[in-house]
Each structure stands twice: as structure tokens, then as C-alpha cells.
All heavy atoms as atom14 arrays in JSON, in Angstrom:
{
  "sequence": "QYLGDLEGWKTADKGSAIHKLFEFKNYYHTMAFVNAVAWIAHREDH",
  "atom14_mask": [
    [1, 1, 1, 1, 1, 1, 1, 1, 1, 0, 0, 0, 0, 0],
    [1, 1, 1, 1, 1, 1, 1, 1, 1, 1, 1, 1, 0, 0],
    [1, 1, 1, 1, 1, 1, 1, 1, 0, 0, 0, 0, 0, 0],
    [1, 1, 1, 1, 0, 0, 0, 0, 0, 0, 0, 0, 0, 0],
    [1, 1, 1, 1, 1, 1, 1, 1, 0, 0, 0, 0, 0, 0],
    [1, 1, 1, 1, 1, 1, 1, 1, 0, 0, 0, 0, 0, 0],
    [1, 1, 1, 1, 1, 1, 1, 1, 1, 0, 0, 0, 0, 0],
    [1, 1, 1, 1, 0, 0, 0, 0, 0, 0, 0, 0, 0, 0],
    [1, 1, 1, 1, 1, 1, 1, 1, 1, 1, 1, 1, 1, 1],
    [1, 1, 1, 1, 1, 1, 1, 1, 1, 0, 0, 0, 0, 0],
    [1, 1, 1, 1, 1, 1, 1, 0, 0, 0, 0, 0, 0, 0],
    [1, 1, 1, 1, 1, 0, 0, 0, 0, 0, 0, 0, 0, 0],
    [1, 1, 1, 1, 1, 1, 1, 1, 0, 0, 0, 0, 0, 0],
    [1, 1, 1, 1, 1, 1, 1, 1, 1, 0, 0, 0, 0, 0],
    [1, 1, 1, 1, 0, 0, 0, 0, 0, 0, 0, 0, 0, 0],
    [1, 1, 1, 1, 1, 1, 0, 0, 0, 0, 0, 0, 0, 0],
    [1, 1, 1, 1, 1, 0, 0, 0, 0, 0, 0, 0, 0, 0],
    [1, 1, 1, 1, 1, 1, 1, 1, 0, 0, 0, 0, 0, 0],
    [1, 1, 1, 1, 1, 1, 1, 1, 1, 1, 0, 0, 0, 0],
    [1, 1, 1, 1, 1, 1, 1, 1, 1, 0, 0, 0, 0, 0],
    [1, 1, 1, 1, 1, 1, 1, 1, 0, 0, 0, 0, 0, 0],
    [1, 1, 1, 1, 1, 1, 1, 1, 1, 1, 1, 0, 0, 0],
    [1, 1, 1, 1, 1, 1, 1, 1, 1, 0, 0, 0, 0, 0],
    [1, 1, 1, 1, 1, 1, 1, 1, 1, 1, 1, 0, 0, 0],
    [1, 1, 1, 1, 1, 1, 1, 1, 1, 0, 0, 0, 0, 0],
    [1, 1, 1, 1, 1, 1, 1, 1, 0, 0, 0, 0, 0, 0],
    [1, 1, 1, 1, 1, 1, 1, 1, 1, 1, 1, 1, 0, 0],
    [1, 1, 1, 1, 1, 1, 1, 1, 1, 1, 1, 1, 0, 0],
    [1, 1, 1, 1, 1, 1, 1, 1, 1, 1, 0, 0, 0, 0],
    [1, 1, 1, 1, 1, 1, 1, 0, 0, 0, 0, 0, 0, 0],
    [1, 1, 1, 1, 1, 1, 1, 1, 0, 0, 0, 0, 0, 0],
    [1, 1, 1, 1, 1, 0, 0, 0, 0, 0, 0, 0, 0, 0],
    [1, 1, 1, 1, 1, 1, 1, 1, 1, 1, 1, 0, 0, 0],
    [1, 1, 1, 1, 1, 1, 1, 0, 0, 0, 0, 0, 0, 0],
    [1, 1, 1, 1, 1, 1, 1, 1, 0, 0, 0, 0, 0, 0],
    [1, 1, 1, 1, 1, 0, 0, 0, 0, 0, 0, 0, 0, 0],
    [1, 1, 1, 1, 1, 1, 1, 0, 0, 0, 0, 0, 0, 0],
    [1, 1, 1, 1, 1, 0, 0, 0, 0, 0, 0, 0, 0, 0],
    [1, 1, 1, 1, 1, 1, 1, 1, 1, 1, 1, 1, 1, 1],
    [1, 1, 1, 1, 1, 1, 1, 1, 0, 0, 0, 0, 0, 0],
    [1, 1, 1, 1, 1, 0, 0, 0, 0, 0, 0, 0, 0, 0],
    [1, 1, 1, 1, 1, 1, 1, 1, 1, 1, 0, 0, 0, 0],
    [1, 1, 1, 1, 1, 1, 1, 1, 1, 1, 1, 0, 0, 0],
    [1, 1, 1, 1, 1, 1, 1, 1, 1, 0, 0, 0, 0, 0],
    [1, 1, 1, 1, 1, 1, 1, 1, 0, 0, 0, 0, 0, 0],
    [1, 1, 1, 1, 1, 1, 1, 1, 1, 1, 0, 0, 0, 0]
  ],
  "atom14_positions": [
    [[-4.61, 20.59, -27.81], [-5.04, 19.68, -28.93], [-3.99, 18.62, -29.05], [-4.3, 17.41, -29.16], [-5.18, 20.42, -30.21], [-5.71, 19.57, -31.32], [-5.98, 20.32, -32.53], [-5.94, 21.57, -32.53], [-6.28, 19.62, -33.65], [0.0, 0.0, 0.0], [0.0, 0.0, 0.0], [0.0, 0.0, 0.0], [0.0, 0.0, 0.0], [0.0, 0.0, 0.0]],
    [[-2.72, 18.91, -29.21], [-1.68, 17.86, -29.26], [-1.62, 16.9, -28.01], [-1.28, 15.73, -28.21], [-0.3, 18.5, -29.7], [-0.22, 19.06, -31.02], [0.07, 20.39, -31.27], [-0.46, 18.21, -32.09], [0.25, 20.94, -32.58], [-0.32, 18.69, -33.44], [0.0, 20.03, -33.61], [0.02, 20.55, -34.95], [0.0, 0.0, 0.0], [0.0, 0.0, 0.0]],
    [[-1.75, 17.58, -26.83], [-1.71, 16.65, -25.69], [-2.88, 15.67, -25.83], [-2.66, 14.52, -25.27], [-1.98, 17.46, -24.42], [-0.69, 18.09, -23.77], [-0.98, 18.88, -22.52], [0.29, 16.91, -23.37], [0.0, 0.0, 0.0], [0.0, 0.0, 0.0], [0.0, 0.0, 0.0], [0.0, 0.0, 0.0], [0.0, 0.0, 0.0], [0.0, 0.0, 0.0]],
    [[-3.98, 16.0, -26.44], [-5.03, 15.07, -26.57], [-4.7, 13.9, -27.48], [-5.36, 12.82, -27.39], [0.0, 0.0, 0.0], [0.0, 0.0, 0.0], [0.0, 0.0, 0.0], [0.0, 0.0, 0.0], [0.0, 0.0, 0.0], [0.0, 0.0, 0.0], [0.0, 0.0, 0.0], [0.0, 0.0, 0.0], [0.0, 0.0, 0.0], [0.0, 0.0, 0.0]],
    [[-3.72, 14.07, -28.34], [-3.21, 12.98, -29.17], [-2.21, 12.02, -28.41], [-1.81, 11.01, -29.05], [-2.57, 13.53, -30.41], [-3.56, 14.27, -31.34], [-4.74, 14.0, -31.2], [-3.11, 15.14, -32.1], [0.0, 0.0, 0.0], [0.0, 0.0, 0.0], [0.0, 0.0, 0.0], [0.0, 0.0, 0.0], [0.0, 0.0, 0.0], [0.0, 0.0, 0.0]],
    [[-1.78, 12.37, -27.28], [-0.79, 11.58, -26.53], [-1.38, 11.09, -25.26], [-2.17, 11.83, -24.69], [0.42, 12.54, -26.24], [1.12, 13.17, -27.33], [2.17, 14.1, -26.82], [1.78, 12.09, -28.32], [0.0, 0.0, 0.0], [0.0, 0.0, 0.0], [0.0, 0.0, 0.0], [0.0, 0.0, 0.0], [0.0, 0.0, 0.0], [0.0, 0.0, 0.0]],
    [[-1.03, 9.97, -24.83], [-1.53, 9.32, -23.67], [-0.51, 9.55, -22.49], [0.67, 9.09, -22.57], [-1.67, 7.85, -23.84], [-2.53, 7.15, -22.62], [-2.92, 5.88, -22.9], [-3.28, 5.57, -24.05], [-2.94, 5.02, -21.98], [0.0, 0.0, 0.0], [0.0, 0.0, 0.0], [0.0, 0.0, 0.0], [0.0, 0.0, 0.0], [0.0, 0.0, 0.0]],
    [[-1.03, 10.19, -21.4], [-0.2, 10.21, -20.19], [0.88, 11.39, -20.13], [1.52, 11.63, -19.15], [0.0, 0.0, 0.0], [0.0, 0.0, 0.0], [0.0, 0.0, 0.0], [0.0, 0.0, 0.0], [0.0, 0.0, 0.0], [0.0, 0.0, 0.0], [0.0, 0.0, 0.0], [0.0, 0.0, 0.0], [0.0, 0.0, 0.0], [0.0, 0.0, 0.0]],
    [[0.96, 12.23, -21.19], [1.92, 13.26, -21.16], [1.11, 14.51, -20.48], [-0.06, 14.66, -20.65], [2.29, 13.72, -22.6], [3.21, 12.76, -23.16], [2.83, 11.57, -23.76], [4.62, 12.72, -23.26], [3.98, 10.89, -24.23], [5.14, 11.53, -23.91], [5.53, 13.56, -22.73], [6.44, 11.16, -24.06], [6.88, 13.39, -22.95], [7.33, 12.19, -23.63]],
    [[1.97, 15.27, -19.75], [1.38, 16.45, -18.96], [2.37, 17.65, -19.23], [3.46, 17.47, -19.57], [1.4, 16.13, -17.43], [0.47, 14.92, -17.15], [0.55, 14.66, -15.69], [-0.37, 13.39, -15.41], [-0.16, 12.86, -14.15], [0.0, 0.0, 0.0], [0.0, 0.0, 0.0], [0.0, 0.0, 0.0], [0.0, 0.0, 0.0], [0.0, 0.0, 0.0]],
    [[1.75, 18.75, -19.07], [2.45, 20.03, -19.16], [3.33, 20.23, -17.93], [2.88, 19.71, -16.8], [1.75, 21.28, -19.49], [0.79, 21.41, -18.49], [1.01, 21.09, -20.86], [0.0, 0.0, 0.0], [0.0, 0.0, 0.0], [0.0, 0.0, 0.0], [0.0, 0.0, 0.0], [0.0, 0.0, 0.0], [0.0, 0.0, 0.0], [0.0, 0.0, 0.0]],
    [[4.43, 20.96, -18.01], [5.22, 21.25, -16.74], [5.78, 22.71, -17.06], [5.71, 23.33, -18.22], [6.38, 20.26, -16.7], [0.0, 0.0, 0.0], [0.0, 0.0, 0.0], [0.0, 0.0, 0.0], [0.0, 0.0, 0.0], [0.0, 0.0, 0.0], [0.0, 0.0, 0.0], [0.0, 0.0, 0.0], [0.0, 0.0, 0.0], [0.0, 0.0, 0.0]],
    [[6.37, 23.19, -16.11], [7.01, 24.54, -16.09], [6.12, 25.57, -16.72], [6.43, 26.27, -17.76], [8.27, 24.45, -16.84], [9.38, 23.46, -16.17], [9.29, 23.3, -15.0], [10.1, 22.79, -16.99], [0.0, 0.0, 0.0], [0.0, 0.0, 0.0], [0.0, 0.0, 0.0], [0.0, 0.0, 0.0], [0.0, 0.0, 0.0], [0.0, 0.0, 0.0]],
    [[4.88, 25.61, -16.18], [3.88, 26.69, -16.58], [3.63, 26.54, -18.08], [3.39, 27.55, -18.76], [4.39, 28.06, -16.28], [4.55, 28.27, -14.7], [4.96, 29.67, -14.49], [5.13, 29.76, -12.95], [5.74, 31.02, -12.54], [0.0, 0.0, 0.0], [0.0, 0.0, 0.0], [0.0, 0.0, 0.0], [0.0, 0.0, 0.0], [0.0, 0.0, 0.0]],
    [[3.52, 25.32, -18.56], [3.23, 25.11, -19.98], [4.36, 25.18, -21.0], [4.08, 25.15, -22.14], [0.0, 0.0, 0.0], [0.0, 0.0, 0.0], [0.0, 0.0, 0.0], [0.0, 0.0, 0.0], [0.0, 0.0, 0.0], [0.0, 0.0, 0.0], [0.0, 0.0, 0.0], [0.0, 0.0, 0.0], [0.0, 0.0, 0.0], [0.0, 0.0, 0.0]],
    [[5.56, 25.35, -20.45], [6.71, 25.37, -21.41], [7.36, 24.1, -21.73], [8.34, 24.11, -22.43], [7.73, 26.48, -20.94], [8.24, 26.03, -19.74], [0.0, 0.0, 0.0], [0.0, 0.0, 0.0], [0.0, 0.0, 0.0], [0.0, 0.0, 0.0], [0.0, 0.0, 0.0], [0.0, 0.0, 0.0], [0.0, 0.0, 0.0], [0.0, 0.0, 0.0]],
    [[6.88, 23.05, -21.14], [7.42, 21.64, -21.31], [6.29, 20.66, -21.27], [5.24, 20.95, -20.62], [8.5, 21.46, -20.37], [0.0, 0.0, 0.0], [0.0, 0.0, 0.0], [0.0, 0.0, 0.0], [0.0, 0.0, 0.0], [0.0, 0.0, 0.0], [0.0, 0.0, 0.0], [0.0, 0.0, 0.0], [0.0, 0.0, 0.0], [0.0, 0.0, 0.0]],
    [[6.56, 19.46, -21.82], [5.71, 18.3, -21.45], [6.59, 17.23, -20.93], [7.76, 17.12, -21.23], [5.0, 17.81, -22.78], [5.99, 17.43, -23.95], [3.89, 18.85, -23.17], [5.27, 16.84, -25.16], [0.0, 0.0, 0.0], [0.0, 0.0, 0.0], [0.0, 0.0, 0.0], [0.0, 0.0, 0.0], [0.0, 0.0, 0.0], [0.0, 0.0, 0.0]],
    [[6.04, 16.28, -20.11], [6.75, 15.21, -19.59], [5.92, 14.07, -19.38], [4.66, 14.13, -19.29], [7.46, 15.6, -18.26], [6.5, 15.84, -17.19], [6.22, 14.91, -16.18], [5.72, 16.9, -16.92], [5.33, 15.38, -15.36], [5.02, 16.55, -15.74], [0.0, 0.0, 0.0], [0.0, 0.0, 0.0], [0.0, 0.0, 0.0], [0.0, 0.0, 0.0]],
    [[6.51, 12.84, -19.27], [5.85, 11.58, -18.93], [6.9, 10.57, -18.23], [7.97, 10.61, -18.57], [5.38, 10.97, -20.25], [4.57, 9.63, -19.95], [4.07, 9.1, -21.27], [3.23, 7.81, -21.16], [2.71, 7.34, -22.43], [0.0, 0.0, 0.0], [0.0, 0.0, 0.0], [0.0, 0.0, 0.0], [0.0, 0.0, 0.0], [0.0, 0.0, 0.0]],
    [[6.26, 9.93, -17.18], [7.09, 8.91, -16.51], [6.73, 7.57, -17.15], [5.6, 7.15, -17.14], [6.74, 8.9, -14.97], [7.47, 8.02, -14.08], [8.96, 8.29, -14.09], [6.89, 7.9, -12.71], [0.0, 0.0, 0.0], [0.0, 0.0, 0.0], [0.0, 0.0, 0.0], [0.0, 0.0, 0.0], [0.0, 0.0, 0.0], [0.0, 0.0, 0.0]],
    [[7.85, 6.86, -17.45], [7.65, 5.48, -17.95], [8.27, 4.61, -16.98], [9.36, 4.87, -16.36], [8.52, 5.23, -19.34], [7.96, 6.16, -20.45], [8.31, 7.5, -20.64], [7.05, 5.6, -21.35], [7.77, 8.25, -21.64], [6.53, 6.31, -22.38], [6.85, 7.67, -22.5], [0.0, 0.0, 0.0], [0.0, 0.0, 0.0], [0.0, 0.0, 0.0]],
    [[7.55, 3.44, -16.63], [8.02, 2.61, -15.63], [8.29, 1.15, -16.32], [7.57, 0.73, -17.19], [7.06, 2.42, -14.54], [6.9, 3.81, -13.82], [5.86, 3.65, -12.62], [4.68, 3.79, -12.86], [6.44, 3.52, -11.53], [0.0, 0.0, 0.0], [0.0, 0.0, 0.0], [0.0, 0.0, 0.0], [0.0, 0.0, 0.0], [0.0, 0.0, 0.0]],
    [[9.36, 0.45, -15.71], [9.77, -0.81, -16.31], [10.01, -1.77, -15.15], [10.01, -1.38, -14.03], [11.06, -0.56, -17.13], [10.9, 0.47, -18.18], [11.24, 1.77, -18.03], [10.37, -0.07, -19.45], [10.97, 2.66, -18.98], [10.11, 0.94, -20.45], [10.39, 2.25, -20.23], [0.0, 0.0, 0.0], [0.0, 0.0, 0.0], [0.0, 0.0, 0.0]],
    [[10.24, -3.06, -15.49], [10.36, -4.07, -14.5], [11.81, -4.14, -13.99], [11.95, -4.75, -12.91], [9.84, -5.34, -14.91], [10.52, -6.08, -16.1], [9.91, -7.43, -16.42], [10.68, -8.0, -17.67], [10.07, -9.36, -17.96], [0.0, 0.0, 0.0], [0.0, 0.0, 0.0], [0.0, 0.0, 0.0], [0.0, 0.0, 0.0], [0.0, 0.0, 0.0]],
    [[12.71, -3.63, -14.7], [14.08, -3.74, -14.15], [15.04, -2.73, -14.87], [14.58, -1.97, -15.77], [14.68, -5.16, -14.32], [14.63, -5.64, -15.8], [14.95, -4.82, -16.74], [14.26, -6.84, -15.97], [0.0, 0.0, 0.0], [0.0, 0.0, 0.0], [0.0, 0.0, 0.0], [0.0, 0.0, 0.0], [0.0, 0.0, 0.0], [0.0, 0.0, 0.0]],
    [[16.25, -2.62, -14.46], [17.24, -1.68, -14.95], [17.53, -1.94, -16.5], [17.66, -1.05, -17.25], [18.53, -1.81, -14.15], [19.56, -0.76, -14.51], [19.28, 0.68, -14.12], [20.65, -1.0, -15.11], [20.23, 1.69, -14.38], [21.63, -0.05, -15.47], [21.41, 1.24, -15.07], [22.36, 2.21, -15.39], [0.0, 0.0, 0.0], [0.0, 0.0, 0.0]],
    [[17.66, -3.26, -16.81], [17.92, -3.56, -18.27], [16.92, -2.92, -19.16], [17.19, -2.45, -20.18], [18.0, -5.09, -18.36], [18.1, -5.53, -19.72], [19.32, -5.54, -20.38], [17.04, -5.96, -20.53], [19.5, -5.88, -21.79], [17.11, -6.32, -21.83], [18.39, -6.33, -22.5], [18.5, -6.7, -23.78], [0.0, 0.0, 0.0], [0.0, 0.0, 0.0]],
    [[15.64, -3.15, -18.87], [14.54, -2.67, -19.58], [14.55, -1.12, -19.71], [14.23, -0.53, -20.72], [13.12, -3.25, -19.22], [13.0, -4.68, -19.63], [13.14, -5.62, -18.72], [12.61, -5.24, -20.84], [12.99, -6.86, -19.3], [12.67, -6.59, -20.55], [0.0, 0.0, 0.0], [0.0, 0.0, 0.0], [0.0, 0.0, 0.0], [0.0, 0.0, 0.0]],
    [[14.76, -0.52, -18.61], [14.86, 0.93, -18.43], [15.97, 1.46, -19.41], [15.76, 2.35, -20.12], [15.15, 1.43, -17.09], [14.11, 0.88, -16.17], [15.18, 2.89, -16.89], [0.0, 0.0, 0.0], [0.0, 0.0, 0.0], [0.0, 0.0, 0.0], [0.0, 0.0, 0.0], [0.0, 0.0, 0.0], [0.0, 0.0, 0.0], [0.0, 0.0, 0.0]],
    [[17.18, 0.86, -19.24], [18.28, 1.33, -20.14], [17.98, 0.98, -21.71], [18.53, 1.87, -22.47], [19.57, 0.74, -19.65], [19.96, 1.17, -18.32], [19.88, 3.08, -18.09], [21.1, 3.56, -19.2], [0.0, 0.0, 0.0], [0.0, 0.0, 0.0], [0.0, 0.0, 0.0], [0.0, 0.0, 0.0], [0.0, 0.0, 0.0], [0.0, 0.0, 0.0]],
    [[17.34, -0.03, -21.99], [17.02, -0.38, -23.38], [16.18, 0.79, -23.94], [16.27, 1.36, -25.01], [16.38, -1.66, -23.54], [0.0, 0.0, 0.0], [0.0, 0.0, 0.0], [0.0, 0.0, 0.0], [0.0, 0.0, 0.0], [0.0, 0.0, 0.0], [0.0, 0.0, 0.0], [0.0, 0.0, 0.0], [0.0, 0.0, 0.0], [0.0, 0.0, 0.0]],
    [[15.13, 1.18, -23.08], [14.26, 2.32, -23.43], [15.03, 3.64, -23.6], [14.84, 4.28, -24.62], [13.15, 2.41, -22.35], [12.29, 3.68, -22.61], [11.39, 3.71, -23.41], [12.53, 4.75, -21.74], [10.43, 4.8, -23.59], [11.68, 5.9, -21.87], [10.64, 5.91, -22.77], [0.0, 0.0, 0.0], [0.0, 0.0, 0.0], [0.0, 0.0, 0.0]],
    [[15.99, 3.9, -22.62], [16.76, 5.16, -22.81], [17.57, 5.15, -24.08], [17.68, 6.16, -24.71], [17.6, 5.3, -21.46], [18.75, 6.26, -21.76], [16.8, 5.53, -20.26], [0.0, 0.0, 0.0], [0.0, 0.0, 0.0], [0.0, 0.0, 0.0], [0.0, 0.0, 0.0], [0.0, 0.0, 0.0], [0.0, 0.0, 0.0], [0.0, 0.0, 0.0]],
    [[18.12, 4.04, -24.35], [18.96, 3.93, -25.65], [18.06, 4.13, -26.85], [18.41, 4.86, -27.89], [19.73, 2.69, -25.73], [20.9, 2.65, -24.83], [21.52, 3.6, -24.63], [21.15, 1.45, -24.16], [0.0, 0.0, 0.0], [0.0, 0.0, 0.0], [0.0, 0.0, 0.0], [0.0, 0.0, 0.0], [0.0, 0.0, 0.0], [0.0, 0.0, 0.0]],
    [[16.8, 3.67, -26.92], [15.96, 3.88, -27.9], [15.44, 5.31, -28.07], [15.33, 5.87, -29.09], [14.71, 2.91, -27.76], [0.0, 0.0, 0.0], [0.0, 0.0, 0.0], [0.0, 0.0, 0.0], [0.0, 0.0, 0.0], [0.0, 0.0, 0.0], [0.0, 0.0, 0.0], [0.0, 0.0, 0.0], [0.0, 0.0, 0.0], [0.0, 0.0, 0.0]],
    [[15.35, 5.89, -26.9], [14.91, 7.35, -26.96], [16.14, 8.19, -27.44], [15.89, 9.2, -28.23], [14.5, 7.78, -25.5], [14.31, 9.4, -25.47], [13.19, 7.14, -25.1], [0.0, 0.0, 0.0], [0.0, 0.0, 0.0], [0.0, 0.0, 0.0], [0.0, 0.0, 0.0], [0.0, 0.0, 0.0], [0.0, 0.0, 0.0], [0.0, 0.0, 0.0]],
    [[17.27, 7.77, -27.01], [18.5, 8.52, -27.53], [18.59, 8.38, -29.14], [19.02, 9.35, -29.75], [19.75, 8.0, -26.9], [0.0, 0.0, 0.0], [0.0, 0.0, 0.0], [0.0, 0.0, 0.0], [0.0, 0.0, 0.0], [0.0, 0.0, 0.0], [0.0, 0.0, 0.0], [0.0, 0.0, 0.0], [0.0, 0.0, 0.0], [0.0, 0.0, 0.0]],
    [[18.33, 7.18, -29.62], [18.25, 7.05, -31.07], [17.23, 7.88, -31.77], [17.58, 8.53, -32.75], [18.04, 5.5, -31.38], [18.06, 5.15, -32.75], [19.15, 4.94, -33.56], [16.9, 5.05, -33.7], [18.85, 4.71, -34.89], [17.42, 4.75, -35.05], [15.61, 5.19, -33.5], [16.63, 4.58, -36.16], [14.7, 5.04, -34.63], [15.28, 4.85, -35.89]],
    [[16.13, 8.02, -31.21], [15.0, 8.85, -31.77], [15.52, 10.25, -31.77], [15.42, 11.04, -32.81], [13.71, 8.73, -31.02], [13.06, 7.36, -31.32], [12.72, 9.86, -31.33], [11.83, 7.03, -30.43], [0.0, 0.0, 0.0], [0.0, 0.0, 0.0], [0.0, 0.0, 0.0], [0.0, 0.0, 0.0], [0.0, 0.0, 0.0], [0.0, 0.0, 0.0]],
    [[16.13, 10.72, -30.6], [16.58, 12.05, -30.46], [17.65, 12.46, -31.41], [17.72, 13.46, -32.04], [17.17, 12.31, -28.94], [0.0, 0.0, 0.0], [0.0, 0.0, 0.0], [0.0, 0.0, 0.0], [0.0, 0.0, 0.0], [0.0, 0.0, 0.0], [0.0, 0.0, 0.0], [0.0, 0.0, 0.0], [0.0, 0.0, 0.0], [0.0, 0.0, 0.0]],
    [[18.62, 11.47, -31.7], [19.66, 11.62, -32.65], [19.02, 11.87, -34.14], [19.35, 12.68, -34.84], [20.69, 10.64, -32.59], [21.69, 10.6, -33.58], [22.73, 11.51, -33.67], [21.87, 9.84, -34.73], [23.5, 11.38, -34.72], [23.01, 10.42, -35.45], [0.0, 0.0, 0.0], [0.0, 0.0, 0.0], [0.0, 0.0, 0.0], [0.0, 0.0, 0.0]],
    [[18.18, 10.9, -34.41], [17.57, 10.87, -35.74], [16.75, 12.17, -36.04], [16.68, 12.68, -37.08], [16.65, 9.6, -35.86], [16.19, 9.4, -37.28], [15.74, 8.05, -37.45], [15.3, 7.97, -38.86], [14.5, 7.03, -39.32], [14.22, 5.99, -38.54], [14.06, 6.97, -40.54], [0.0, 0.0, 0.0], [0.0, 0.0, 0.0], [0.0, 0.0, 0.0]],
    [[16.02, 12.64, -35.02], [15.16, 13.75, -35.21], [15.84, 15.11, -34.87], [15.3, 16.14, -35.13], [13.91, 13.54, -34.3], [12.96, 12.51, -34.71], [12.43, 12.63, -36.13], [12.1, 13.72, -36.68], [12.26, 11.57, -36.84], [0.0, 0.0, 0.0], [0.0, 0.0, 0.0], [0.0, 0.0, 0.0], [0.0, 0.0, 0.0], [0.0, 0.0, 0.0]],
    [[17.06, 14.96, -34.34], [17.79, 16.2, -33.91], [16.98, 17.05, -32.95], [16.93, 18.22, -33.01], [18.25, 17.0, -35.08], [19.45, 17.99, -34.71], [20.05, 17.79, -33.59], [19.53, 19.04, -35.41], [0.0, 0.0, 0.0], [0.0, 0.0, 0.0], [0.0, 0.0, 0.0], [0.0, 0.0, 0.0], [0.0, 0.0, 0.0], [0.0, 0.0, 0.0]],
    [[16.24, 16.37, -31.95], [15.43, 17.02, -30.96], [15.72, 16.1, -29.68], [15.27, 14.94, -29.65], [14.02, 17.07, -31.46], [13.24, 18.02, -30.48], [13.46, 19.4, -30.49], [12.22, 17.74, -29.67], [12.68, 19.91, -29.65], [11.86, 18.96, -29.13], [0.0, 0.0, 0.0], [0.0, 0.0, 0.0], [0.0, 0.0, 0.0], [0.0, 0.0, 0.0]]
  ]
}
């Protein structure tokens, strides 16, 4: 049900994880995304 609310996420490791591949046009955009994900992780403590 929750996967149905997300676009492009898939289960992995026999259903014990979810993952998604994000693609960008260059390294700068990739690292900006990584830093934003790190901020979310810190804020949510997950």
C-alpha cells in the first residue's frame, strides 16, 4: 500500500528494504541532492 503512494521505489533484500535510483545531469546536481537527502535524514533521525 505504501509503495503505491511512491513513484519508482522498489523493494529489495526480500522485502526488508526499499530503494530508488535518481539520475542527474552532472556531479554538482548529484551532490546537491545528496546534501539535501542528508539534511532530511538528520532532521528526521532516519
